[in-house]
Protein backbone atom coordinates (compact mmCIF):
# COMPACT_ATOMS: atom_id res chain seq x y z
CA MET A 1 86.74 95.65 -37.10
CA ALA A 2 87.06 95.34 -33.33
CA GLY A 3 83.75 93.49 -33.00
CA ASP A 4 84.60 90.86 -35.64
CA LYS A 5 85.65 87.75 -33.71
CA SER A 6 88.01 86.33 -36.30
CA GLU A 7 91.10 85.63 -34.16
CA LYS A 8 91.92 82.36 -32.44
CA ALA A 9 91.71 82.33 -28.67
CA THR A 10 94.94 83.10 -26.88
CA PRO A 11 96.41 80.65 -24.35
CA LYS A 12 95.19 82.87 -21.53
CA LYS A 13 91.65 82.89 -22.91
CA ARG A 14 91.70 79.11 -23.31
CA ASP A 15 92.99 78.67 -19.77
CA GLU A 16 90.24 80.90 -18.36
CA ALA A 17 87.61 79.03 -20.38
CA ARG A 18 88.94 75.72 -19.07
CA LYS A 19 88.59 76.91 -15.48
CA LYS A 20 84.93 77.69 -16.24
CA GLY A 21 84.40 74.21 -17.70
CA GLN A 22 84.21 75.40 -21.32
CA VAL A 23 86.09 72.53 -22.98
CA ALA A 24 85.51 70.33 -26.01
CA LYS A 25 84.05 67.04 -24.89
CA SER A 26 81.87 64.49 -26.65
CA MET A 27 79.53 62.45 -24.50
CA ASP A 28 78.94 60.16 -27.48
CA LEU A 29 82.64 59.32 -27.62
CA ASN A 30 82.54 58.54 -23.90
CA GLY A 31 79.49 56.34 -24.41
CA ALA A 32 81.02 54.51 -27.37
CA VAL A 33 84.28 53.72 -25.56
CA VAL A 34 82.46 52.55 -22.43
CA LEU A 35 80.13 50.40 -24.56
CA LEU A 36 83.04 48.73 -26.37
CA ALA A 37 84.86 48.22 -23.09
CA ALA A 38 81.75 46.56 -21.64
CA LEU A 39 81.43 44.30 -24.68
CA LEU A 40 85.07 43.28 -24.48
CA ALA A 41 84.72 42.62 -20.77
CA LEU A 42 81.62 40.52 -21.37
CA SER A 43 83.44 38.53 -24.05
CA ALA A 44 86.24 37.80 -21.62
CA PHE A 45 84.26 37.21 -18.43
CA ALA A 46 80.94 35.87 -19.76
CA PRO A 47 81.75 32.16 -19.15
CA ALA A 48 82.86 32.83 -15.58
CA MET A 49 79.84 35.09 -15.00
CA LEU A 50 77.42 32.43 -16.28
CA ASP A 51 79.10 29.78 -14.16
CA ARG A 52 78.93 31.95 -11.03
CA ILE A 53 75.29 32.90 -11.64
CA GLY A 54 74.43 29.27 -12.39
CA SER A 55 76.04 28.13 -9.14
CA ALA A 56 74.16 30.86 -7.26
CA THR A 57 70.89 29.77 -8.87
CA ARG A 58 71.45 26.18 -7.87
CA ARG A 59 72.35 27.29 -4.37
CA LEU A 60 69.20 29.43 -4.29
CA LEU A 61 67.01 26.49 -5.30
CA ALA A 62 68.66 24.31 -2.69
CA LEU A 63 68.06 26.90 0.01
CA THR A 64 64.42 27.46 -0.90
CA ALA A 65 63.83 23.72 -0.60
CA ARG A 66 64.61 23.94 3.11
CA PRO A 67 61.64 24.89 5.32
CA ASP A 68 63.80 26.90 7.73
CA VAL A 69 65.00 29.17 4.90
CA VAL A 70 61.57 29.87 3.45
CA GLY A 71 60.54 31.62 6.67
CA PRO A 72 61.63 35.14 7.77
CA GLU A 73 64.66 33.78 9.66
CA GLY A 74 66.37 32.49 6.51
CA LEU A 75 65.72 35.44 4.20
CA GLY A 76 69.02 37.07 5.14
CA GLU A 77 71.02 34.06 3.99
CA LEU A 78 68.89 33.84 0.85
CA PHE A 79 69.36 37.45 -0.21
CA GLY A 80 73.02 37.40 0.78
CA THR A 81 73.72 34.42 -1.46
CA VAL A 82 71.97 35.92 -4.50
CA GLY A 83 73.29 39.45 -3.99
CA SER A 84 76.92 38.46 -3.51
CA ALA A 85 76.83 36.21 -6.57
CA TRP A 86 75.46 38.93 -8.84
CA LEU A 87 77.79 41.54 -7.36
CA LEU A 88 80.90 39.42 -7.87
CA ALA A 89 79.78 38.53 -11.40
CA ALA A 90 79.21 42.14 -12.44
CA ALA A 91 82.18 43.67 -10.58
CA PRO A 92 84.87 43.05 -13.28
CA VAL A 93 82.67 44.51 -16.04
CA ALA A 94 81.72 47.54 -13.93
CA ALA A 95 85.38 48.17 -13.01
CA ILE A 96 86.51 48.01 -16.65
CA CYS A 97 83.70 50.40 -17.71
CA LEU A 98 84.68 52.83 -14.94
CA VAL A 99 88.35 52.83 -15.95
CA ALA A 100 87.45 53.24 -19.63
CA GLY A 101 85.13 56.17 -18.87
CA VAL A 102 87.77 57.97 -16.81
CA LEU A 103 90.51 57.40 -19.39
CA VAL A 104 88.48 58.66 -22.36
CA SER A 105 87.44 61.76 -20.39
CA VAL A 106 91.05 62.50 -19.44
CA CYS A 107 92.15 61.98 -23.05
CA GLN A 108 89.57 64.50 -24.24
CA VAL A 109 90.00 67.31 -21.73
CA GLY A 110 93.13 66.42 -19.76
CA PHE A 111 93.40 66.01 -16.01
CA LYS A 112 92.87 69.45 -14.50
CA PRO A 113 89.92 69.52 -12.07
CA SER A 114 88.18 72.87 -11.51
CA VAL A 115 85.69 73.71 -8.75
CA GLN A 116 84.63 76.90 -10.55
CA VAL A 117 82.20 74.96 -12.76
CA LEU A 118 80.24 74.00 -9.63
CA LYS A 119 79.45 77.63 -8.78
CA PRO A 120 75.93 78.76 -9.71
CA ASP A 121 75.78 80.85 -12.88
CA ALA A 122 72.68 82.84 -13.87
CA LYS A 123 73.71 82.66 -17.52
CA LYS A 124 73.09 78.91 -17.52
CA ILE A 125 69.38 79.46 -16.80
CA ASN A 126 68.98 82.43 -19.12
CA PRO A 127 65.87 81.81 -21.31
CA LEU A 128 67.48 83.53 -24.30
CA SER A 129 70.54 81.29 -24.11
CA GLY A 130 68.27 78.28 -23.76
CA ALA A 131 66.31 79.30 -26.86
CA LYS A 132 69.53 79.56 -28.86
CA GLN A 133 70.43 76.03 -27.76
CA LEU A 134 67.03 74.72 -28.83
CA PHE A 135 66.78 76.41 -32.21
CA GLY A 136 70.39 77.11 -33.24
CA THR A 137 72.80 75.19 -35.43
CA HIS A 138 73.89 73.12 -32.43
CA ALA A 139 70.35 71.78 -31.99
CA ILE A 140 70.21 70.91 -35.70
CA PHE A 141 73.49 69.01 -35.44
CA GLU A 142 72.36 67.15 -32.31
CA GLY A 143 69.07 66.20 -33.97
CA ALA A 144 70.82 64.95 -37.10
CA LYS A 145 73.31 63.01 -34.97
CA SER A 146 70.52 61.28 -33.03
CA THR A 147 68.78 60.35 -36.29
CA VAL A 148 72.02 58.93 -37.71
CA LYS A 149 72.61 56.86 -34.56
CA ILE A 150 69.14 55.32 -34.75
CA CYS A 151 69.46 54.59 -38.47
CA VAL A 152 72.95 53.08 -38.12
CA VAL A 153 72.04 50.80 -35.23
CA GLY A 154 68.85 49.72 -36.98
CA ALA A 155 70.70 49.02 -40.23
CA ILE A 156 73.40 47.01 -38.45
CA ALA A 157 70.82 44.90 -36.62
CA LEU A 158 68.88 44.32 -39.84
CA LEU A 159 71.96 43.34 -41.86
CA ALA A 160 73.02 40.93 -39.13
CA LEU A 161 69.62 39.27 -38.73
CA LEU A 162 68.43 38.95 -42.35
CA PRO A 163 71.06 36.38 -43.47
CA ARG A 164 70.36 34.24 -40.39
CA LEU A 165 66.57 34.20 -40.37
CA GLU A 166 66.37 30.56 -41.47
CA GLU A 167 69.01 29.60 -38.93
CA LEU A 168 67.12 31.39 -36.17
CA ALA A 169 63.88 29.73 -37.20
CA ALA A 170 65.55 26.33 -36.95
CA MET A 171 66.47 27.07 -33.33
CA VAL A 172 62.85 26.86 -32.25
CA GLY A 173 62.51 23.98 -29.81
CA MET A 174 66.19 23.81 -28.94
CA PRO A 175 67.08 23.19 -25.28
CA ALA A 176 67.83 26.33 -23.29
CA ALA A 177 71.40 25.17 -22.63
CA ALA A 178 72.12 25.19 -26.38
CA LEU A 179 69.87 28.15 -27.32
CA VAL A 180 71.24 30.71 -24.86
CA PRO A 181 74.88 30.59 -26.13
CA GLU A 182 73.72 30.92 -29.76
CA ILE A 183 71.46 33.87 -29.03
CA GLY A 184 74.09 35.45 -26.81
CA GLN A 185 76.75 35.18 -29.52
CA LEU A 186 74.41 36.76 -32.09
CA VAL A 187 73.48 39.63 -29.77
CA LEU A 188 77.16 40.19 -28.93
CA GLN A 189 78.09 40.37 -32.62
CA ILE A 190 75.35 42.92 -33.32
CA ALA A 191 76.36 44.95 -30.28
CA GLN A 192 80.03 44.96 -31.30
CA ARG A 193 79.23 46.22 -34.80
CA ALA A 194 76.89 48.85 -33.38
CA GLY A 195 79.59 49.86 -30.88
CA LEU A 196 82.16 50.36 -33.64
CA ALA A 197 79.68 52.46 -35.62
CA TYR A 198 78.90 54.44 -32.46
CA LEU A 199 82.64 54.99 -31.97
CA VAL A 200 82.89 56.55 -35.45
CA ILE A 201 79.94 58.81 -34.63
CA GLY A 202 81.63 59.75 -31.35
CA ILE A 203 84.88 60.69 -33.11
CA VAL A 204 82.96 62.88 -35.57
CA ASP A 205 81.07 64.45 -32.67
CA TYR A 206 84.32 65.14 -30.80
CA ALA A 207 85.74 66.90 -33.86
CA TYR A 208 82.58 68.99 -34.08
CA GLN A 209 82.73 69.87 -30.37
CA ARG A 210 86.34 71.02 -30.76
CA TRP A 211 85.40 73.19 -33.73
CA ARG A 212 82.37 74.62 -31.90
CA THR A 213 84.34 75.39 -28.74
CA ALA A 214 87.12 77.06 -30.72
CA LYS A 215 84.53 79.17 -32.55
CA GLN A 216 82.86 80.24 -29.29
CA MET A 217 86.20 81.33 -27.82
CA LYS A 218 87.31 83.40 -30.80
CA MET A 219 88.37 86.96 -30.04
CA ASP A 220 88.29 90.19 -31.99
CA LYS A 221 91.49 92.03 -32.87
CA GLN A 222 91.04 94.61 -30.13
CA GLU A 223 90.74 91.93 -27.43
CA VAL A 224 93.94 90.29 -28.66
CA LYS A 225 95.76 93.65 -28.66
CA ASP A 226 94.57 94.52 -25.17
CA GLU A 227 95.59 91.14 -23.81
CA TYR A 228 99.00 91.34 -25.47
CA LYS A 229 99.58 94.82 -24.04
CA GLN A 230 98.59 93.64 -20.58
CA GLN A 231 100.91 90.64 -20.73
CA SER A 232 103.80 92.60 -22.21
CA LEU A 233 103.76 95.26 -19.50
CA PRO A 234 106.50 94.99 -16.86
CA SER A 235 105.40 94.00 -13.38
CA GLU A 236 106.38 97.46 -12.09
CA VAL A 237 103.99 99.11 -14.55
CA LYS A 238 101.18 96.71 -13.63
CA SER A 239 101.77 97.43 -9.95
CA LEU A 240 101.71 101.17 -10.69
CA GLN A 241 98.44 100.78 -12.59
CA ARG A 242 96.85 98.90 -9.71
CA ARG A 243 98.08 101.51 -7.22
CA ARG A 244 96.79 104.33 -9.41
CA ALA A 245 93.42 102.63 -9.77
CA ALA A 246 93.22 102.23 -5.97
CA GLU A 247 94.08 105.92 -5.50
CA LEU A 248 91.38 106.99 -7.95
CA ALA A 249 88.84 104.77 -6.23
CA ARG A 250 89.80 106.24 -2.85
CA ALA A 251 89.52 109.77 -4.22
CA ARG A 252 86.02 109.04 -5.57
CA MET A 253 85.12 107.60 -2.17
CA MET A 254 86.34 110.69 -0.36
CA ASP A 255 84.37 112.93 -2.74
CA ALA A 256 81.23 111.04 -1.70
CA VAL A 257 81.73 111.66 2.05
CA PRO A 258 80.09 115.15 2.06
CA THR A 259 76.97 113.61 0.48
CA ALA A 260 76.50 111.18 3.40
CA ASP A 261 73.83 111.55 6.08
CA VAL A 262 75.90 110.10 8.90
CA VAL A 263 79.36 108.67 9.60
CA VAL A 264 79.47 105.77 12.06
CA THR A 265 82.79 105.45 13.91
CA ASN A 266 84.59 102.98 16.19
CA PRO A 267 85.41 105.84 17.26
CA THR A 268 89.07 105.85 16.13
CA HIS A 269 89.79 102.69 14.13
CA TYR A 270 86.80 102.48 11.77
CA SER A 271 84.62 104.96 9.92
CA VAL A 272 81.65 104.14 7.67
CA ALA A 273 79.70 106.85 5.81
CA LEU A 274 76.02 106.11 5.06
CA ARG A 275 73.65 107.85 2.69
CA TYR A 276 69.90 107.31 2.47
CA SER A 277 67.48 108.56 -0.19
CA SER A 278 63.73 108.09 -0.42
CA ASP A 279 63.99 106.14 -3.69
CA ALA A 280 66.35 103.53 -2.17
CA LEU A 281 65.29 100.41 -0.32
CA ALA A 282 67.96 100.86 2.36
CA PRO A 283 70.90 103.13 3.26
CA VAL A 284 74.01 102.73 1.12
CA VAL A 285 77.67 102.73 2.21
CA VAL A 286 79.38 105.52 0.27
CA ALA A 287 82.76 105.38 2.06
CA LYS A 288 84.56 103.29 4.63
CA GLY A 289 88.05 102.87 5.98
CA LYS A 290 90.24 102.14 8.98
CA ASP A 291 92.96 104.01 10.84
CA LEU A 292 94.28 106.91 8.69
CA VAL A 293 91.56 106.52 6.07
CA ALA A 294 88.96 106.49 8.85
CA LEU A 295 90.46 109.69 10.27
CA ARG A 296 90.31 111.40 6.86
CA ILE A 297 86.64 110.36 6.46
CA ARG A 298 85.81 111.91 9.84
CA GLU A 299 87.65 115.13 8.96
CA LEU A 300 85.82 115.51 5.65
CA ALA A 301 82.48 114.73 7.30
CA GLN A 302 83.00 117.30 10.04
CA ALA A 303 84.09 119.92 7.50
CA ALA A 304 80.92 119.26 5.44
CA GLY A 305 78.64 119.28 8.49
CA VAL A 306 77.85 115.57 8.31
CA ALA A 307 76.96 114.00 11.65
CA VAL A 308 79.70 111.78 13.11
CA LEU A 309 78.38 109.35 15.70
CA PRO A 310 80.33 106.69 17.66
CA ASP A 311 78.88 103.16 17.66
CA PRO A 312 81.74 100.61 17.76
CA PRO A 313 79.69 97.41 17.22
CA LEU A 314 77.73 98.90 14.32
CA ALA A 315 80.86 100.43 12.76
CA ARG A 316 82.71 97.12 12.86
CA ALA A 317 79.72 95.22 11.47
CA LEU A 318 79.24 97.66 8.59
CA HIS A 319 82.94 97.79 7.75
CA GLY A 320 83.29 94.01 7.71
CA SER A 321 80.10 93.05 5.86
CA VAL A 322 79.22 95.82 3.40
CA GLU A 323 81.23 96.97 0.39
CA ILE A 324 81.22 100.54 -0.95
CA GLY A 325 78.13 101.17 -3.07
CA GLN A 326 76.14 98.34 -1.46
CA MET A 327 73.04 98.58 0.71
CA ILE A 328 73.28 97.57 4.32
CA PRO A 329 72.06 94.05 5.21
CA GLU A 330 68.64 93.46 6.69
CA GLU A 331 69.96 92.52 10.12
CA LEU A 332 71.40 96.05 10.53
CA PHE A 333 68.27 97.91 9.40
CA GLN A 334 67.00 98.68 12.91
CA ALA A 335 70.29 99.94 14.31
CA VAL A 336 70.93 102.20 11.30
CA ALA A 337 67.31 103.41 11.23
CA GLU A 338 67.52 104.48 14.89
CA MET A 339 70.76 106.34 14.21
CA LEU A 340 69.36 108.12 11.13
CA ALA A 341 66.20 109.04 13.04
CA TYR A 342 68.37 110.61 15.72
CA VAL A 343 70.37 112.55 13.13
CA TYR A 344 67.24 113.83 11.37
CA ARG A 345 65.68 114.79 14.72
CA VAL A 346 68.75 116.75 15.77
CA ALA A 347 68.94 118.44 12.36
CA GLY A 348 65.25 119.38 12.60
CA ASN A 349 65.70 120.90 16.04
CA GLU A 350 68.64 122.96 14.81
CA VAL A 351 66.60 124.27 11.88
CA ALA A 352 63.68 125.14 14.18
CA ALA A 353 66.01 126.97 16.57
């Protein structure tokens, strides 16, 4: 059946979906890779970071012991010393996390930026679509995934701590210089195991996101046939189809000219036909054109008894800002209203005569 979406998306459909930002991407995989990169960076740079922070702390204590620094004049030097030390200590880790995040994103979706995803889309705030996200199978999967993450991290922490409870208890009373490295090593081991488990969850999530995206982009047989026919047509046939469609649209536009109330002209280069009905909020442009098309609109209007009035500024404004079938903008209401009032007044006088 034509409505049964059982066919895989064509390359054209996938390319269009990519431009709209509809790609398979797992935020959990991003988070897992960045977490592991941060842990590796900390393992490599932790000694240097502790040394730099320790030196900054000693420098801070030395500065605060000076009376001239404690006052408002020395606060700049104080904050500069502490801030630069922490910034330089954290910079390598932050840089590695940034590079890891960019690489894993590029590996998932490729490097092909699109500005179309930044355009506002009413479908994204559709309450019905939001309800499907909250109560559909995707929400069930996300809920189960969150539960698994919590359980896995909790189990890893528990399995790492239970065998070392006696060892941890014996650390009570140890000097801070000896206690901090021991605690730091234990926390790092737990975090590394949790990061590896999180990476597995991220890989599973990425596979699910690929499956879900492929399912959303599936097409029915009729869509595939139509797309194949469109792609297989020669360029001459496509050009002929576009030209024929333009001719039909122009013919429909010309048929609407006799139904207009007034035609505003340039008076020779532009013509815009306007129609107003009591059930509309504003007059509507039913036809417009320039040069030869404008001449044909004027001829049809005169043959049908439609008023043709010259107003170059208004004609140019209407032609440039309003498409066929659209209402005129608010800033042109007064000018068009005065013109229609004149047309109706003249028509009323003719009827009375």
